Each structure stands twice: as structure tokens, then as C-alpha cells.
Amino acid sequence: MAKPYSYDFRQKVIQSIELDGLKKSEASELFNISRNTINLWLQRKAETGDVLPLPNHPPGNNHKITDWEKFRAFAKSHGDKTQVEMAQLWDGNISDAYGELR
């Protein structure tokens, strides 16, 4: 995923449009960014009051284990087992090392 533009840069672009009266197309050429990017920033500012970039959360797994204390106790008592065996013993849907849902 591409790195977002800096917060200072975003503010400078928006300020040039809102305070200095620069047209979006002019700002696009001057700062070498797309009009779509400017439109997205203006939309975000209208919705949230700021142009901060969205937090970068890479896609990940939806973890099946939510009760970590229970899992720690389970892992402590079954630590001598393989991951596949542990997946079979765990109560609930969980995948083993090969991605097979048990």
C-alpha cells in the first residue's frame, strides 16, 4: 500500500484552495496531485473536520480466539501437542497449521 501524503502537505493544499482561492485544477497542477485526491481530502474535511489520513490497518485475520486467558491455560496444559492436535482439541472453530478448519 502506498504511503499517504504528509499531514502538513495536505493542510498546505487545502489551505491554498480554501484561503488563497486557488482552483482545484490549479492546485492539482501546482502540487502535482490528482483532483480526485483533493476532492477526497475536501470530503474528509467536510465529514470529520480534518484531513488526517486514515489509519493504515493492513488486512489480517479475524482471530477466532478472543478469550486469551482461556487459550493460555489451554496452551499450558496441551503444550506437548502439535498445532494440528491442539486445533482438534480446542472447543470451537479454529484452523490448524495447514488452514483446515476444525
C-alpha atoms as a PDB file:
ATOM      1  CA  MET A   1       0.000   0.000   0.000  1.00  0.00           C
ATOM      2  CA  ALA A   2       1.302   3.457  -0.874  1.00  0.00           C
ATOM      3  CA  LYS A   3       2.386   5.767   1.900  1.00  0.00           C
ATOM      4  CA  PRO A   4      -0.146   8.576   2.487  1.00  0.00           C
ATOM      5  CA  TYR A   5       0.780  12.193   1.851  1.00  0.00           C
ATOM      6  CA  SER A   6       2.027  14.005   4.951  1.00  0.00           C
ATOM      7  CA  TYR A   7      -0.419  15.902   7.110  1.00  0.00           C
ATOM      8  CA  ASP A   8       1.486  19.167   6.512  1.00  0.00           C
ATOM      9  CA  PHE A   9       1.255  18.706   2.751  1.00  0.00           C
ATOM     10  CA  ARG A  10      -2.475  18.008   2.939  1.00  0.00           C
ATOM     11  CA  GLN A  11      -3.031  21.137   5.010  1.00  0.00           C
ATOM     12  CA  LYS A  12      -0.974  23.221   2.577  1.00  0.00           C
ATOM     13  CA  VAL A  13      -3.011  22.027  -0.416  1.00  0.00           C
ATOM     14  CA  ILE A  14      -6.369  22.589   1.295  1.00  0.00           C
ATOM     15  CA  GLN A  15      -5.259  25.987   2.606  1.00  0.00           C
ATOM     16  CA  SER A  16      -4.253  27.075  -0.892  1.00  0.00           C
ATOM     17  CA  ILE A  17      -7.769  26.257  -2.082  1.00  0.00           C
ATOM     18  CA  GLU A  18      -9.834  27.499   0.860  1.00  0.00           C
ATOM     19  CA  LEU A  19      -7.829  30.538   1.977  1.00  0.00           C
ATOM     20  CA  ASP A  20      -5.805  31.562  -1.063  1.00  0.00           C
ATOM     21  CA  GLY A  21      -8.628  30.952  -3.563  1.00  0.00           C
ATOM     22  CA  LEU A  22      -6.712  28.548  -5.797  1.00  0.00           C
ATOM     23  CA  LYS A  23      -8.945  26.417  -8.029  1.00  0.00           C
ATOM     24  CA  LYS A  24      -8.765  22.656  -7.510  1.00  0.00           C
ATOM     25  CA  SER A  25      -7.363  22.164 -11.016  1.00  0.00           C
ATOM     26  CA  GLU A  26      -4.671  24.776 -10.351  1.00  0.00           C
ATOM     27  CA  ALA A  27      -3.764  23.202  -7.016  1.00  0.00           C
ATOM     28  CA  SER A  28      -3.648  19.819  -8.724  1.00  0.00           C
ATOM     29  CA  GLU A  29      -1.062  21.071 -11.216  1.00  0.00           C
ATOM     30  CA  LEU A  30       0.893  23.154  -8.701  1.00  0.00           C
ATOM     31  CA  PHE A  31       1.259  20.334  -6.151  1.00  0.00           C
ATOM     32  CA  ASN A  32       1.383  17.523  -8.733  1.00  0.00           C
ATOM     33  CA  ILE A  33      -1.519  15.526  -7.283  1.00  0.00           C
ATOM     34  CA  SER A  34      -4.805  14.421  -8.800  1.00  0.00           C
ATOM     35  CA  ARG A  35      -8.033  16.375  -8.479  1.00  0.00           C
ATOM     36  CA  ASN A  36      -9.605  13.210  -7.143  1.00  0.00           C
ATOM     37  CA  THR A  37      -7.150  13.248  -4.234  1.00  0.00           C
ATOM     38  CA  ILE A  38      -8.038  16.860  -3.497  1.00  0.00           C
ATOM     39  CA  ASN A  39     -11.747  16.029  -3.684  1.00  0.00           C
ATOM     40  CA  LEU A  40     -11.260  13.138  -1.250  1.00  0.00           C
ATOM     41  CA  TRP A  41      -9.396  15.389   1.197  1.00  0.00           C
ATOM     42  CA  LEU A  42     -12.076  18.083   0.987  1.00  0.00           C
ATOM     43  CA  GLN A  43     -14.763  15.451   1.510  1.00  0.00           C
ATOM     44  CA  ARG A  44     -12.904  14.064   4.548  1.00  0.00           C
ATOM     45  CA  LYS A  45     -12.540  17.580   5.960  1.00  0.00           C
ATOM     46  CA  ALA A  46     -16.274  18.191   5.494  1.00  0.00           C
ATOM     47  CA  GLU A  47     -17.121  14.918   7.234  1.00  0.00           C
ATOM     48  CA  THR A  48     -14.552  14.890  10.036  1.00  0.00           C
ATOM     49  CA  GLY A  49     -13.289  18.461  10.269  1.00  0.00           C
ATOM     50  CA  ASP A  50      -9.732  17.455   9.379  1.00  0.00           C
ATOM     51  CA  VAL A  51      -7.652  15.964   6.559  1.00  0.00           C
ATOM     52  CA  LEU A  52      -5.772  13.390   8.620  1.00  0.00           C
ATOM     53  CA  PRO A  53      -5.011  10.211   6.681  1.00  0.00           C
ATOM     54  CA  LEU A  54      -6.968   7.115   7.595  1.00  0.00           C
ATOM     55  CA  PRO A  55      -5.080   4.720   9.831  1.00  0.00           C
ATOM     56  CA  ASN A  56      -3.228   2.078   7.874  1.00  0.00           C
ATOM     57  CA  HIS A  57      -4.568  -1.271   9.019  1.00  0.00           C
ATOM     58  CA  PRO A  58      -3.286  -3.992   6.752  1.00  0.00           C
ATOM     59  CA  PRO A  59      -5.753  -6.767   6.120  1.00  0.00           C
ATOM     60  CA  GLY A  60      -5.372  -9.517   8.637  1.00  0.00           C
ATOM     61  CA  ASN A  61      -7.067 -12.496  10.088  1.00  0.00           C
ATOM     62  CA  ASN A  62     -10.215 -12.289  12.089  1.00  0.00           C
ATOM     63  CA  HIS A  63      -8.912 -14.028  15.146  1.00  0.00           C
ATOM     64  CA  LYS A  64     -11.027 -16.949  16.276  1.00  0.00           C
ATOM     65  CA  ILE A  65      -9.602 -16.842  19.789  1.00  0.00           C
ATOM     66  CA  THR A  66     -10.990 -13.979  21.829  1.00  0.00           C
ATOM     67  CA  ASP A  67     -10.634 -15.354  25.368  1.00  0.00           C
ATOM     68  CA  TRP A  68      -6.866 -15.177  25.716  1.00  0.00           C
ATOM     69  CA  GLU A  69      -6.792 -16.310  29.363  1.00  0.00           C
ATOM     70  CA  LYS A  70      -8.653 -19.473  28.386  1.00  0.00           C
ATOM     71  CA  PHE A  71      -6.243 -20.015  25.495  1.00  0.00           C
ATOM     72  CA  ARG A  72      -3.162 -19.515  27.711  1.00  0.00           C
ATOM     73  CA  ALA A  73      -4.463 -22.135  30.153  1.00  0.00           C
ATOM     74  CA  PHE A  74      -5.263 -24.462  27.228  1.00  0.00           C
ATOM     75  CA  ALA A  75      -1.804 -23.981  25.699  1.00  0.00           C
ATOM     76  CA  LYS A  76      -0.147 -24.591  29.056  1.00  0.00           C
ATOM     77  CA  SER A  77      -1.986 -27.878  29.588  1.00  0.00           C
ATOM     78  CA  HIS A  78      -1.628 -29.072  25.953  1.00  0.00           C
ATOM     79  CA  GLY A  79       1.799 -27.607  25.121  1.00  0.00           C
ATOM     80  CA  ASP A  80       3.214 -31.046  24.307  1.00  0.00           C
ATOM     81  CA  LYS A  81       0.796 -31.486  21.393  1.00  0.00           C
ATOM     82  CA  THR A  82       1.294 -30.441  17.787  1.00  0.00           C
ATOM     83  CA  GLN A  83      -0.611 -27.483  16.387  1.00  0.00           C
ATOM     84  CA  VAL A  84      -2.894 -29.840  14.449  1.00  0.00           C
ATOM     85  CA  GLU A  85      -3.665 -31.856  17.599  1.00  0.00           C
ATOM     86  CA  MET A  86      -4.307 -28.674  19.575  1.00  0.00           C
ATOM     87  CA  ALA A  87      -6.704 -27.435  16.886  1.00  0.00           C
ATOM     88  CA  GLN A  88      -8.629 -30.703  17.166  1.00  0.00           C
ATOM     89  CA  LEU A  89      -8.860 -30.411  20.966  1.00  0.00           C
ATOM     90  CA  TRP A  90      -9.911 -26.770  21.079  1.00  0.00           C
ATOM     91  CA  ASP A  91     -13.666 -26.309  21.568  1.00  0.00           C
ATOM     92  CA  GLY A  92     -14.834 -24.131  18.709  1.00  0.00           C
ATOM     93  CA  ASN A  93     -13.838 -23.473  15.108  1.00  0.00           C
ATOM     94  CA  ILE A  94     -10.120 -22.947  14.738  1.00  0.00           C
ATOM     95  CA  SER A  95      -7.726 -23.799  11.950  1.00  0.00           C
ATOM     96  CA  ASP A  96      -4.579 -25.855  12.253  1.00  0.00           C
ATOM     97  CA  ALA A  97      -1.194 -25.039  10.732  1.00  0.00           C
ATOM     98  CA  TYR A  98      -2.442 -26.085   7.279  1.00  0.00           C
ATOM     99  CA  GLY A  99      -5.505 -23.839   7.329  1.00  0.00           C
ATOM    100  CA  GLU A 100      -8.001 -26.674   7.703  1.00  0.00           C
ATOM    101  CA  LEU A 101     -10.928 -25.605   9.809  1.00  0.00           C
ATOM    102  CA  ARG A 102     -11.737 -27.966  12.660  1.00  0.00           C
END
